[in-house]
């Protein structure tokens, strides 16, 4: 299949003041686009070019080519990251809200776990809310790995993605990663997350 670089689902300034427009523009149009370009170049003419992005991710083990693992992960992870946020945030469906209460005790306690996962990820990486064996769980991955990959400590279907690479926040927050995560949590698109949750447990 032919991979395409997706449009950003909102304007660069849509998530202000939590995610600033300059960071959004550089992050999307330089970092994300570079992952896409390098990934499609790495798989051009190979059998991977005929797979879906999720299939490629699910096949990445320790023997995978770094160009595919790093750039493919970066391409996939950023698509989910952009689609984990929206202007002003949104509300979870009753099904997702119920699952969050059941698994974590409350939305606030889930947010605490996500923040902790993002803060304790040493160096660069992502924190995730996933469906693992039919239940919600919080995990994190280094660099551009993700929970679809067999190399992940916890595999699962990603519901939301939190990018904690410094380029995601440094222009506005400098080294204050906790403040960035607090801002991110203000704009999470729980409605879209609800759709991914419903699909994952179907």
Protein backbone atom coordinates (compact mmCIF):
# COMPACT_ATOMS: atom_id res chain seq x y z
CA UNK A 1 0.00 0.00 0.00
CA UNK A 2 1.10 3.59 -0.54
CA UNK A 3 1.77 5.47 2.66
CA UNK A 4 0.72 9.11 2.81
CA UNK A 5 1.78 11.88 5.15
CA UNK A 6 -1.41 12.81 7.03
CA UNK A 7 -2.75 16.31 7.52
CA UNK A 8 -2.60 17.72 11.03
CA UNK A 9 -6.17 17.51 12.39
CA UNK A 10 -6.13 21.13 13.62
CA UNK A 11 -4.25 24.40 13.16
CA UNK A 12 -0.77 24.81 14.63
CA UNK A 13 -2.17 27.25 17.20
CA UNK A 14 -5.21 25.16 18.15
CA UNK A 15 -3.71 23.74 21.34
CA UNK A 16 -2.41 27.03 22.73
CA UNK A 17 -1.42 27.78 25.42
CA UNK A 18 -0.72 24.17 26.37
CA UNK A 19 1.21 23.27 23.20
CA UNK A 20 2.59 26.34 21.44
CA UNK A 21 2.20 26.95 17.71
CA UNK A 22 5.92 27.15 16.96
CA UNK A 23 6.57 23.78 18.58
CA UNK A 24 3.62 22.27 16.72
CA UNK A 25 4.85 23.53 13.36
CA UNK A 26 8.44 22.34 13.84
CA UNK A 27 7.37 19.05 15.41
CA UNK A 28 4.86 18.21 12.69
CA UNK A 29 6.45 19.64 9.56
CA UNK A 30 10.08 18.76 10.30
CA UNK A 31 10.33 15.91 12.80
CA UNK A 32 7.24 13.93 11.80
CA UNK A 33 7.76 14.53 8.09
CA UNK A 34 11.37 13.35 8.37
CA UNK A 35 10.25 10.09 9.99
CA UNK A 36 7.74 9.59 7.18
CA UNK A 37 10.29 10.33 4.45
CA UNK A 38 12.95 8.09 5.95
CA UNK A 39 10.51 5.27 6.66
CA UNK A 40 9.03 5.18 3.17
CA UNK A 41 12.54 5.34 1.73
CA UNK A 42 13.66 2.43 3.91
CA UNK A 43 10.82 0.12 2.84
CA UNK A 44 10.57 1.15 -0.81
CA UNK A 45 10.57 -1.96 -2.99
CA UNK A 46 10.38 -4.36 -0.05
CA UNK A 47 7.44 -6.56 1.04
CA UNK A 48 6.83 -4.13 3.91
CA UNK A 49 5.59 -1.57 1.41
CA UNK A 50 2.53 -3.76 0.80
CA UNK A 51 1.58 -3.97 4.49
CA UNK A 52 -0.46 -1.60 6.62
CA UNK A 53 1.44 0.58 9.06
CA UNK A 54 0.03 -1.44 11.97
CA UNK A 55 1.23 -4.66 10.33
CA UNK A 56 4.71 -3.23 9.92
CA UNK A 57 4.78 -2.20 13.58
CA UNK A 58 3.57 -5.63 14.72
CA UNK A 59 6.43 -7.26 12.84
CA UNK A 60 9.21 -5.18 14.38
CA UNK A 61 11.31 -7.33 16.67
CA UNK A 62 14.91 -7.03 17.86
CA UNK A 63 16.20 -8.03 14.43
CA UNK A 64 14.34 -5.28 12.56
CA UNK A 65 16.38 -2.78 10.60
CA UNK A 66 16.94 0.36 12.71
CA UNK A 67 15.79 2.56 9.81
CA UNK A 68 12.43 0.79 9.80
CA UNK A 69 12.07 0.47 13.57
CA UNK A 70 13.00 4.07 14.37
CA UNK A 71 11.42 5.86 11.43
CA UNK A 72 8.38 3.62 11.14
CA UNK A 73 7.79 4.01 14.86
CA UNK A 74 8.22 7.76 14.59
CA UNK A 75 5.74 7.91 11.72
CA UNK A 76 3.11 5.81 13.53
CA UNK A 77 3.62 7.30 17.00
CA UNK A 78 3.18 10.87 15.83
CA UNK A 79 -0.02 10.09 13.95
CA UNK A 80 -1.51 8.80 17.19
CA UNK A 81 0.00 11.65 19.22
CA UNK A 82 -1.67 14.33 17.06
CA UNK A 83 -4.93 12.42 17.20
CA UNK A 84 -4.72 12.12 20.97
CA UNK A 85 -5.29 15.87 21.32
CA UNK A 86 -7.87 18.45 20.30
CA UNK A 87 -8.72 22.08 20.97
CA UNK A 88 -9.97 22.25 24.56
CA UNK A 89 -9.93 18.49 25.05
CA UNK A 90 -13.06 16.33 24.99
CA UNK A 91 -15.01 13.92 27.17
CA UNK A 92 -14.72 10.14 27.30
CA UNK A 93 -17.63 7.96 26.31
CA UNK A 94 -19.54 6.24 29.08
CA UNK A 95 -17.90 2.94 28.10
CA UNK A 96 -14.37 4.33 28.33
CA UNK A 97 -15.15 6.31 31.49
CA UNK A 98 -16.50 3.17 33.12
CA UNK A 99 -13.43 1.17 32.11
CA UNK A 100 -11.14 3.91 33.47
CA UNK A 101 -13.01 3.95 36.79
CA UNK A 102 -12.86 0.16 36.99
CA UNK A 103 -9.15 -0.10 36.19
CA UNK A 104 -7.70 3.04 37.80
CA UNK A 105 -10.34 4.26 40.26
CA UNK A 106 -10.97 7.58 38.50
CA UNK A 107 -9.92 9.72 35.55
CA UNK A 108 -7.69 11.75 37.87
CA UNK A 109 -5.87 8.61 39.00
CA UNK A 110 -5.37 7.55 35.37
CA UNK A 111 -3.91 10.98 34.62
CA UNK A 112 -1.56 10.58 37.58
CA UNK A 113 -0.31 7.27 36.18
CA UNK A 114 0.13 8.71 32.69
CA UNK A 115 2.06 11.64 34.11
CA UNK A 116 4.26 9.32 36.17
CA UNK A 117 4.94 7.13 33.13
CA UNK A 118 5.93 10.17 31.10
CA UNK A 119 8.08 11.70 33.84
CA UNK A 120 9.97 8.49 34.59
CA UNK A 121 10.72 7.59 30.97
CA UNK A 122 14.45 8.31 30.96
CA UNK A 123 15.62 10.24 27.93
CA UNK A 124 13.29 10.17 24.94
CA UNK A 125 10.15 8.12 24.43
CA UNK A 126 6.40 7.91 24.81
CA UNK A 127 3.83 7.13 27.48
CA UNK A 128 0.72 5.23 26.43
CA UNK A 129 -2.75 4.23 27.43
CA UNK A 130 -3.34 0.82 25.87
CA UNK A 131 -5.78 -2.05 25.82
CA UNK A 132 -3.86 -5.11 26.99
CA UNK A 133 -5.75 -8.42 27.13
CA UNK A 134 -9.04 -6.56 27.12
CA UNK A 135 -8.12 -4.19 29.95
CA UNK A 136 -6.75 -0.66 30.07
CA UNK A 137 -3.15 -0.20 31.16
CA UNK A 138 -0.50 2.52 31.21
CA UNK A 139 2.97 1.85 29.85
CA UNK A 140 5.90 3.62 28.23
CA UNK A 141 8.45 2.90 25.52
CA UNK A 142 11.90 4.27 24.68
CA UNK A 143 12.73 6.30 21.61
CA UNK A 144 10.18 5.61 18.82
CA UNK A 145 9.11 2.15 19.96
CA UNK A 146 5.40 1.55 20.62
CA UNK A 147 3.18 -1.12 22.21
CA UNK A 148 2.35 -2.74 18.86
CA UNK A 149 5.96 -3.91 18.60
CA UNK A 150 7.00 -7.30 20.01
CA UNK A 151 10.04 -5.55 21.54
CA UNK A 152 7.80 -3.50 23.88
CA UNK A 153 7.79 -4.35 27.59
CA UNK A 154 3.99 -4.35 27.41
CA UNK A 155 2.19 -5.00 24.15
CA UNK A 156 -1.29 -3.72 23.48
CA UNK A 157 -3.48 -1.57 21.30
CA UNK A 158 -2.62 2.11 21.80
CA UNK A 159 -5.50 4.35 22.85
CA UNK A 160 -3.60 7.59 23.47
CA UNK A 161 0.04 8.57 22.98
CA UNK A 162 2.06 11.09 24.99
CA UNK A 163 5.30 12.21 23.34
CA UNK A 164 7.99 13.02 25.90
CA UNK A 165 10.86 13.69 23.50
CA UNK A 166 12.33 17.11 24.34
CA UNK A 167 11.47 18.45 20.88
CA UNK A 168 7.78 18.06 21.84
CA UNK A 169 8.01 20.68 24.57
CA UNK A 170 11.41 22.34 24.97
CA UNK A 171 10.67 25.67 23.24
CA UNK A 172 7.88 26.45 25.70
CA UNK A 173 8.68 24.39 28.79
CA UNK A 174 12.48 23.97 28.58
CA UNK A 175 13.33 21.12 30.99
CA UNK A 176 9.97 21.22 32.81
CA UNK A 177 8.54 17.98 31.47
CA UNK A 178 5.94 17.71 34.26
CA UNK A 179 4.45 21.09 33.27
CA UNK A 180 4.27 20.00 29.64
CA UNK A 181 2.49 16.79 30.62
CA UNK A 182 0.00 18.78 32.69
CA UNK A 183 -0.70 20.89 29.60
CA UNK A 184 -1.07 17.82 27.41
CA UNK A 185 -3.61 16.34 29.80
CA UNK A 186 -5.75 19.47 29.38
CA UNK A 187 -6.17 18.82 25.64
CA UNK A 188 -6.55 15.03 25.43
CA UNK A 189 -9.22 14.04 22.90
CA UNK A 190 -10.98 11.44 25.04
CA UNK A 191 -13.78 11.19 22.47
CA UNK A 192 -11.34 9.91 19.83
CA UNK A 193 -9.72 7.71 22.46
CA UNK A 194 -13.18 6.28 23.14
CA UNK A 195 -13.52 5.28 19.49
CA UNK A 196 -10.14 3.51 19.58
CA UNK A 197 -11.09 1.81 22.85
CA UNK A 198 -14.37 0.51 21.40
CA UNK A 199 -12.57 -0.84 18.35
CA UNK A 200 -9.88 -2.50 20.49
CA UNK A 201 -12.33 -4.42 22.67
CA UNK A 202 -14.78 -5.33 19.86
